[in-house]
Amino acid sequence: MALSAIAINCTLKRSGGEPSSTDKMIDLLAGELRKHGVELRETIRIADHDVLPGVQSDEGDGDAWPDMRRRILEADILVFGTPIWLGQMSSLAQRVLERMDAFLSETDEQGRMPSYGKVAVAAIVGNEDGAHHVTATLFQALNDEGWTIPAGASSYWVGEALHKTDFKDLPEVPGAVQQGAAMLASNTAHLASLLKTNLYPGVPQDQ
């Protein structure tokens, strides 16, 4: 069964300027997912769009989120990419999570959010510590918002503290990162395939 993925890049950099290490990590995962028949449809760079603040699926005129939301939910797998800033996920990543909060009130008759049956993984980069903290915070929020998290779902790289080397500047991907990405892709494709054919049943909601 064919599976599709979409990536969001929550770098603070707009397109057309300096290359993004987050894109490099997303590309790594896309290559590994492709080995399992998963097509990455597109990468949405959040900084290129006006995602308004709020916790509704549509915050009115000029809000770019409704169309992004549609495209994200059309895919089976979400690759959530974010750099680390000051030990945290980027502010744009936090905004995306805040907009997905609307899923909690958008359930069907069985109490299932629009994200039920969808799998989410993380692509995290930085030249400082914080990958485990960002993973924990990100996955807690995504799980609350209905996404399913597979085993080994975070692919990350962080450089030595106080150094200026970025992931995009490495001459080659470290072996441990490559191996972790391969396992992530295998687990993710397997889980997404199971959920696509056997969605969570949910429970009837009180009338």
C-alpha atoms as a PDB file:
ATOM      1  CA  MET A   1       0.000   0.000   0.000  1.00  0.00           C
ATOM      2  CA  ALA A   2       1.446   3.362  -1.054  1.00  0.00           C
ATOM      3  CA  LEU A   3       2.202   5.790   1.753  1.00  0.00           C
ATOM      4  CA  SER A   4       2.828   9.514   1.575  1.00  0.00           C
ATOM      5  CA  ALA A   5       4.691  11.917   3.820  1.00  0.00           C
ATOM      6  CA  ILE A   6       4.888  15.675   4.185  1.00  0.00           C
ATOM      7  CA  ALA A   7       7.567  17.648   6.002  1.00  0.00           C
ATOM      8  CA  ILE A   8       7.433  20.991   7.743  1.00  0.00           C
ATOM      9  CA  ASN A   9      10.646  22.930   8.247  1.00  0.00           C
ATOM     10  CA  CYS A  10      10.401  25.274  11.215  1.00  0.00           C
ATOM     11  CA  THR A  11      13.740  26.980  10.646  1.00  0.00           C
ATOM     12  CA  LEU A  12      13.667  30.717  11.274  1.00  0.00           C
ATOM     13  CA  LYS A  13      15.246  31.296   7.844  1.00  0.00           C
ATOM     14  CA  ARG A  14      13.141  32.076   4.797  1.00  0.00           C
ATOM     15  CA  SER A  15      13.774  30.270   1.511  1.00  0.00           C
ATOM     16  CA  GLY A  16      16.273  31.701  -0.945  1.00  0.00           C
ATOM     17  CA  GLY A  17      18.933  32.606   1.568  1.00  0.00           C
ATOM     18  CA  GLU A  18      21.392  30.534   3.547  1.00  0.00           C
ATOM     19  CA  PRO A  19      20.838  26.750   3.327  1.00  0.00           C
ATOM     20  CA  SER A  20      19.067  25.155   6.269  1.00  0.00           C
ATOM     21  CA  SER A  21      20.485  22.281   8.315  1.00  0.00           C
ATOM     22  CA  THR A  22      16.891  21.277   9.053  1.00  0.00           C
ATOM     23  CA  ASP A  23      16.371  20.716   5.327  1.00  0.00           C
ATOM     24  CA  LYS A  24      19.417  18.453   5.257  1.00  0.00           C
ATOM     25  CA  MET A  25      18.003  16.323   8.083  1.00  0.00           C
ATOM     26  CA  ILE A  26      14.592  16.197   6.402  1.00  0.00           C
ATOM     27  CA  ASP A  27      16.263  15.123   3.154  1.00  0.00           C
ATOM     28  CA  LEU A  28      18.083  12.342   5.019  1.00  0.00           C
ATOM     29  CA  LEU A  29      14.794  10.990   6.375  1.00  0.00           C
ATOM     30  CA  ALA A  30      13.094  11.374   2.988  1.00  0.00           C
ATOM     31  CA  GLY A  31      15.780   9.208   1.415  1.00  0.00           C
ATOM     32  CA  GLU A  32      15.355   6.497   4.029  1.00  0.00           C
ATOM     33  CA  LEU A  33      11.550   6.599   3.831  1.00  0.00           C
ATOM     34  CA  ARG A  34      11.763   6.264   0.054  1.00  0.00           C
ATOM     35  CA  LYS A  35      13.427   2.876   0.554  1.00  0.00           C
ATOM     36  CA  HIS A  36      10.146   1.748   2.143  1.00  0.00           C
ATOM     37  CA  GLY A  37       7.937   3.087  -0.630  1.00  0.00           C
ATOM     38  CA  VAL A  38       7.033   6.324   1.139  1.00  0.00           C
ATOM     39  CA  GLU A  39       6.845   9.413  -1.071  1.00  0.00           C
ATOM     40  CA  LEU A  40       7.692  12.773   0.470  1.00  0.00           C
ATOM     41  CA  ARG A  41       5.215  15.032  -1.323  1.00  0.00           C
ATOM     42  CA  GLU A  42       6.687  18.361  -0.242  1.00  0.00           C
ATOM     43  CA  THR A  43       8.438  20.308   2.470  1.00  0.00           C
ATOM     44  CA  ILE A  44       6.631  23.379   3.761  1.00  0.00           C
ATOM     45  CA  ARG A  45       8.984  26.041   5.114  1.00  0.00           C
ATOM     46  CA  ILE A  46       6.873  27.749   7.752  1.00  0.00           C
ATOM     47  CA  ALA A  47       8.906  30.981   7.689  1.00  0.00           C
ATOM     48  CA  ASP A  48       7.789  31.586   4.091  1.00  0.00           C
ATOM     49  CA  HIS A  49       4.132  31.839   5.101  1.00  0.00           C
ATOM     50  CA  ASP A  50       1.998  33.940   7.413  1.00  0.00           C
ATOM     51  CA  VAL A  51       0.810  31.463  10.023  1.00  0.00           C
ATOM     52  CA  LEU A  52      -1.211  33.661  12.355  1.00  0.00           C
ATOM     53  CA  PRO A  53      -1.123  33.147  16.128  1.00  0.00           C
ATOM     54  CA  GLY A  54      -4.073  31.363  17.678  1.00  0.00           C
ATOM     55  CA  VAL A  55      -5.548  27.985  18.520  1.00  0.00           C
ATOM     56  CA  GLN A  56      -8.221  27.708  15.826  1.00  0.00           C
ATOM     57  CA  SER A  57      -7.886  25.981  12.454  1.00  0.00           C
ATOM     58  CA  ASP A  58      -8.697  29.253  10.703  1.00  0.00           C
ATOM     59  CA  GLU A  59      -7.769  32.596  12.224  1.00  0.00           C
ATOM     60  CA  GLY A  60      -9.271  34.684   9.432  1.00  0.00           C
ATOM     61  CA  ASP A  61      -8.041  36.900   6.623  1.00  0.00           C
ATOM     62  CA  GLY A  62      -4.448  36.348   5.592  1.00  0.00           C
ATOM     63  CA  ASP A  63      -3.994  33.154   7.614  1.00  0.00           C
ATOM     64  CA  ALA A  64      -1.873  30.632   5.704  1.00  0.00           C
ATOM     65  CA  TRP A  65      -2.553  27.804   8.148  1.00  0.00           C
ATOM     66  CA  PRO A  66      -5.847  26.393   6.768  1.00  0.00           C
ATOM     67  CA  ASP A  67      -4.260  25.345   3.469  1.00  0.00           C
ATOM     68  CA  MET A  68      -1.193  23.950   5.263  1.00  0.00           C
ATOM     69  CA  ARG A  69      -3.463  22.030   7.630  1.00  0.00           C
ATOM     70  CA  ARG A  70      -5.262  20.437   4.674  1.00  0.00           C
ATOM     71  CA  ARG A  71      -2.015  19.376   2.995  1.00  0.00           C
ATOM     72  CA  ILE A  72      -0.564  18.007   6.235  1.00  0.00           C
ATOM     73  CA  LEU A  73      -3.653  15.910   6.962  1.00  0.00           C
ATOM     74  CA  GLU A  74      -3.729  14.502   3.417  1.00  0.00           C
ATOM     75  CA  ALA A  75      -0.441  12.689   4.109  1.00  0.00           C
ATOM     76  CA  ASP A  76       0.040   9.545   6.172  1.00  0.00           C
ATOM     77  CA  ILE A  77       3.273  10.703   7.833  1.00  0.00           C
ATOM     78  CA  LEU A  78       4.383  14.080   9.181  1.00  0.00           C
ATOM     79  CA  VAL A  79       8.114  14.823   9.364  1.00  0.00           C
ATOM     80  CA  PHE A  80       8.316  17.669  11.872  1.00  0.00           C
ATOM     81  CA  GLY A  81      11.603  19.511  11.409  1.00  0.00           C
ATOM     82  CA  THR A  82      12.940  22.096  13.842  1.00  0.00           C
ATOM     83  CA  PRO A  83      16.283  23.577  14.816  1.00  0.00           C
ATOM     84  CA  ILE A  84      17.262  24.086  18.443  1.00  0.00           C
ATOM     85  CA  TRP A  85      17.375  27.668  19.676  1.00  0.00           C
ATOM     86  CA  LEU A  86      18.369  28.431  23.282  1.00  0.00           C
ATOM     87  CA  GLY A  87      17.794  24.773  24.129  1.00  0.00           C
ATOM     88  CA  GLN A  88      14.206  24.845  22.805  1.00  0.00           C
ATOM     89  CA  MET A  89      12.377  24.088  19.574  1.00  0.00           C
ATOM     90  CA  SER A  90      12.010  27.140  17.341  1.00  0.00           C
ATOM     91  CA  SER A  91       9.220  29.644  17.926  1.00  0.00           C
ATOM     92  CA  LEU A  92       7.697  28.640  14.582  1.00  0.00           C
ATOM     93  CA  ALA A  93       7.544  24.998  15.696  1.00  0.00           C
ATOM     94  CA  GLN A  94       5.735  26.103  18.832  1.00  0.00           C
ATOM     95  CA  ARG A  95       3.267  28.098  16.740  1.00  0.00           C
ATOM     96  CA  VAL A  96       2.475  25.067  14.583  1.00  0.00           C
ATOM     97  CA  LEU A  97       1.771  23.025  17.712  1.00  0.00           C
ATOM     98  CA  GLU A  98      -0.482  25.784  19.031  1.00  0.00           C
ATOM     99  CA  ARG A  99      -2.491  25.786  15.802  1.00  0.00           C
ATOM    100  CA  MET A 100      -2.876  21.994  15.975  1.00  0.00           C
ATOM    101  CA  ASP A 101      -4.484  22.443  19.389  1.00  0.00           C
ATOM    102  CA  ALA A 102      -7.710  22.938  17.429  1.00  0.00           C
ATOM    103  CA  PHE A 103      -7.711  19.196  16.690  1.00  0.00           C
ATOM    104  CA  LEU A 104      -8.873  18.539  20.258  1.00  0.00           C
ATOM    105  CA  SER A 105     -12.278  20.059  19.482  1.00  0.00           C
ATOM    106  CA  GLU A 106     -12.558  18.695  15.920  1.00  0.00           C
ATOM    107  CA  THR A 107     -13.403  15.081  16.743  1.00  0.00           C
ATOM    108  CA  ASP A 108     -15.751  12.761  14.880  1.00  0.00           C
ATOM    109  CA  GLU A 109     -18.605  10.719  16.334  1.00  0.00           C
ATOM    110  CA  GLN A 110     -16.080   8.231  17.737  1.00  0.00           C
ATOM    111  CA  GLY A 111     -14.022  10.944  19.424  1.00  0.00           C
ATOM    112  CA  ARG A 112     -11.182  10.733  16.892  1.00  0.00           C
ATOM    113  CA  MET A 113      -9.189  13.847  16.022  1.00  0.00           C
ATOM    114  CA  PRO A 114      -8.317  14.576  12.358  1.00  0.00           C
ATOM    115  CA  SER A 115      -4.761  13.419  13.097  1.00  0.00           C
ATOM    116  CA  TYR A 116      -5.834   9.967  14.297  1.00  0.00           C
ATOM    117  CA  GLY A 117      -4.182   7.287  12.201  1.00  0.00           C
ATOM    118  CA  LYS A 118      -1.384   9.665  11.170  1.00  0.00           C
ATOM    119  CA  VAL A 119       2.235   9.095  12.214  1.00  0.00           C
ATOM    120  CA  ALA A 120       4.638  11.876  13.235  1.00  0.00           C
ATOM    121  CA  VAL A 121       8.434  11.859  13.528  1.00  0.00           C
ATOM    122  CA  ALA A 122      11.001  14.537  14.347  1.00  0.00           C
ATOM    123  CA  ALA A 123      13.978  15.935  12.440  1.00  0.00           C
ATOM    124  CA  ILE A 124      16.047  18.031  14.870  1.00  0.00           C
ATOM    125  CA  VAL A 125      19.348  19.853  14.418  1.00  0.00           C
ATOM    126  CA  GLY A 126      21.452  22.269  16.422  1.00  0.00           C
ATOM    127  CA  ASN A 127      24.991  23.181  17.429  1.00  0.00           C
ATOM    128  CA  GLU A 128      24.167  23.029  21.113  1.00  0.00           C
ATOM    129  CA  ASP A 129      22.547  20.571  23.499  1.00  0.00           C
ATOM    130  CA  GLY A 130      18.782  20.183  23.694  1.00  0.00           C
ATOM    131  CA  ALA A 131      17.763  17.408  21.279  1.00  0.00           C
ATOM    132  CA  HIS A 132      16.294  15.175  23.981  1.00  0.00           C
ATOM    133  CA  HIS A 133      14.430  18.063  25.586  1.00  0.00           C
ATOM    134  CA  VAL A 134      12.967  19.182  22.249  1.00  0.00           C
ATOM    135  CA  THR A 135      11.996  15.600  21.378  1.00  0.00           C
ATOM    136  CA  ALA A 136      10.220  15.140  24.712  1.00  0.00           C
ATOM    137  CA  THR A 137       8.322  18.423  24.436  1.00  0.00           C
ATOM    138  CA  LEU A 138       7.441  17.953  20.783  1.00  0.00           C
ATOM    139  CA  PHE A 139       6.240  14.364  21.093  1.00  0.00           C
ATOM    140  CA  GLN A 140       4.149  15.107  24.185  1.00  0.00           C
ATOM    141  CA  ALA A 141       2.335  17.867  22.299  1.00  0.00           C
ATOM    142  CA  LEU A 142       1.909  15.866  19.081  1.00  0.00           C
ATOM    143  CA  ASN A 143       0.578  12.854  20.983  1.00  0.00           C
ATOM    144  CA  ASP A 144      -1.922  15.041  22.852  1.00  0.00           C
ATOM    145  CA  GLU A 145      -3.050  16.323  19.451  1.00  0.00           C
ATOM    146  CA  GLY A 146      -3.749  12.840  18.130  1.00  0.00           C
ATOM    147  CA  TRP A 147      -0.564  11.918  16.261  1.00  0.00           C
ATOM    148  CA  THR A 148       0.954   8.459  16.701  1.00  0.00           C
ATOM    149  CA  ILE A 149       4.670   8.308  17.522  1.00  0.00           C
ATOM    150  CA  PRO A 150       6.616   5.200  16.400  1.00  0.00           C
ATOM    151  CA  ALA A 151       9.600   3.673  18.186  1.00  0.00           C
ATOM    152  CA  GLY A 152      12.845   5.584  17.653  1.00  0.00           C
ATOM    153  CA  ALA A 153      10.945   8.482  16.089  1.00  0.00           C
ATOM    154  CA  SER A 154      13.514  11.249  16.518  1.00  0.00           C
ATOM    155  CA  SER A 155      16.433  11.760  14.136  1.00  0.00           C
ATOM    156  CA  TYR A 156      18.802  14.411  15.460  1.00  0.00           C
ATOM    157  CA  TRP A 157      22.301  15.817  15.387  1.00  0.00           C
ATOM    158  CA  VAL A 158      23.873  18.347  17.710  1.00  0.00           C
ATOM    159  CA  GLY A 159      27.397  19.688  17.454  1.00  0.00           C
ATOM    160  CA  GLU A 160      29.878  20.300  20.199  1.00  0.00           C
ATOM    161  CA  ALA A 161      28.810  23.040  22.601  1.00  0.00           C
ATOM    162  CA  LEU A 162      30.075  26.547  21.781  1.00  0.00           C
ATOM    163  CA  HIS A 163      31.301  25.516  18.333  1.00  0.00           C
ATOM    164  CA  LYS A 164      29.862  26.915  15.122  1.00  0.00           C
ATOM    165  CA  THR A 165      29.705  23.793  12.957  1.00  0.00           C
ATOM    166  CA  ASP A 166      26.229  23.164  11.523  1.00  0.00           C
ATOM    167  CA  PHE A 167      24.815  19.858  10.307  1.00  0.00           C
ATOM    168  CA  LYS A 168      24.676  21.171   6.739  1.00  0.00           C
ATOM    169  CA  ASP A 169      28.440  21.819   6.841  1.00  0.00           C
ATOM    170  CA  LEU A 170      29.482  18.275   7.780  1.00  0.00           C
ATOM    171  CA  PRO A 171      31.437  16.507   5.010  1.00  0.00           C
ATOM    172  CA  GLU A 172      29.297  13.398   5.541  1.00  0.00           C
ATOM    173  CA  VAL A 173      26.438  12.235   7.721  1.00  0.00           C
ATOM    174  CA  PRO A 174      27.785  10.518  10.884  1.00  0.00           C
ATOM    175  CA  GLY A 175      27.216   6.765  10.907  1.00  0.00           C
ATOM    176  CA  ALA A 176      25.074   6.805  14.050  1.00  0.00           C
ATOM    177  CA  VAL A 177      22.789   9.472  12.559  1.00  0.00           C
ATOM    178  CA  GLN A 178      22.472   7.519   9.296  1.00  0.00           C
ATOM    179  CA  GLN A 179      21.669   4.298  11.144  1.00  0.00           C
ATOM    180  CA  GLY A 180      19.145   6.029  13.378  1.00  0.00           C
ATOM    181  CA  ALA A 181      17.432   7.564  10.352  1.00  0.00           C
ATOM    182  CA  ALA A 182      17.215   4.147   8.702  1.00  0.00           C
ATOM    183  CA  MET A 183      15.567   2.615  11.779  1.00  0.00           C
ATOM    184  CA  LEU A 184      13.186   5.572  12.085  1.00  0.00           C
ATOM    185  CA  ALA A 185      12.097   5.130   8.472  1.00  0.00           C
ATOM    186  CA  SER A 186      11.555   1.398   8.844  1.00  0.00           C
ATOM    187  CA  ASN A 187       9.496   1.780  12.039  1.00  0.00           C
ATOM    188  CA  THR A 188       7.521   4.701  10.643  1.00  0.00           C
ATOM    189  CA  ALA A 189       6.563   3.052   7.365  1.00  0.00           C
ATOM    190  CA  HIS A 190       5.536  -0.128   9.206  1.00  0.00           C
ATOM    191  CA  LEU A 191       3.336   1.716  11.708  1.00  0.00           C
ATOM    192  CA  ALA A 192       1.774   4.027   9.113  1.00  0.00           C
ATOM    193  CA  SER A 193       0.883   1.026   6.954  1.00  0.00           C
ATOM    194  CA  LEU A 194      -0.841  -0.694   9.883  1.00  0.00           C
ATOM    195  CA  LEU A 195      -2.821   2.406  10.822  1.00  0.00           C
ATOM    196  CA  LYS A 196      -3.863   3.105   7.244  1.00  0.00           C
ATOM    197  CA  THR A 197      -5.569  -0.284   7.008  1.00  0.00           C
ATOM    198  CA  ASN A 198      -6.788  -0.489  10.614  1.00  0.00           C
ATOM    199  CA  LEU A 199      -7.643   2.931  12.052  1.00  0.00           C
ATOM    200  CA  TYR A 200      -8.142   3.433  15.772  1.00  0.00           C
ATOM    201  CA  PRO A 201     -11.786   2.529  16.526  1.00  0.00           C
ATOM    202  CA  GLY A 202     -12.377   5.319  19.023  1.00  0.00           C
ATOM    203  CA  VAL A 203     -15.365   5.228  21.364  1.00  0.00           C
ATOM    204  CA  PRO A 204     -18.906   6.559  20.919  1.00  0.00           C
ATOM    205  CA  GLN A 205     -19.302  10.096  22.220  1.00  0.00           C
ATOM    206  CA  ASP A 206     -21.989  11.134  24.682  1.00  0.00           C
ATOM    207  CA  GLN A 207     -24.875  12.844  22.978  1.00  0.00           C
END
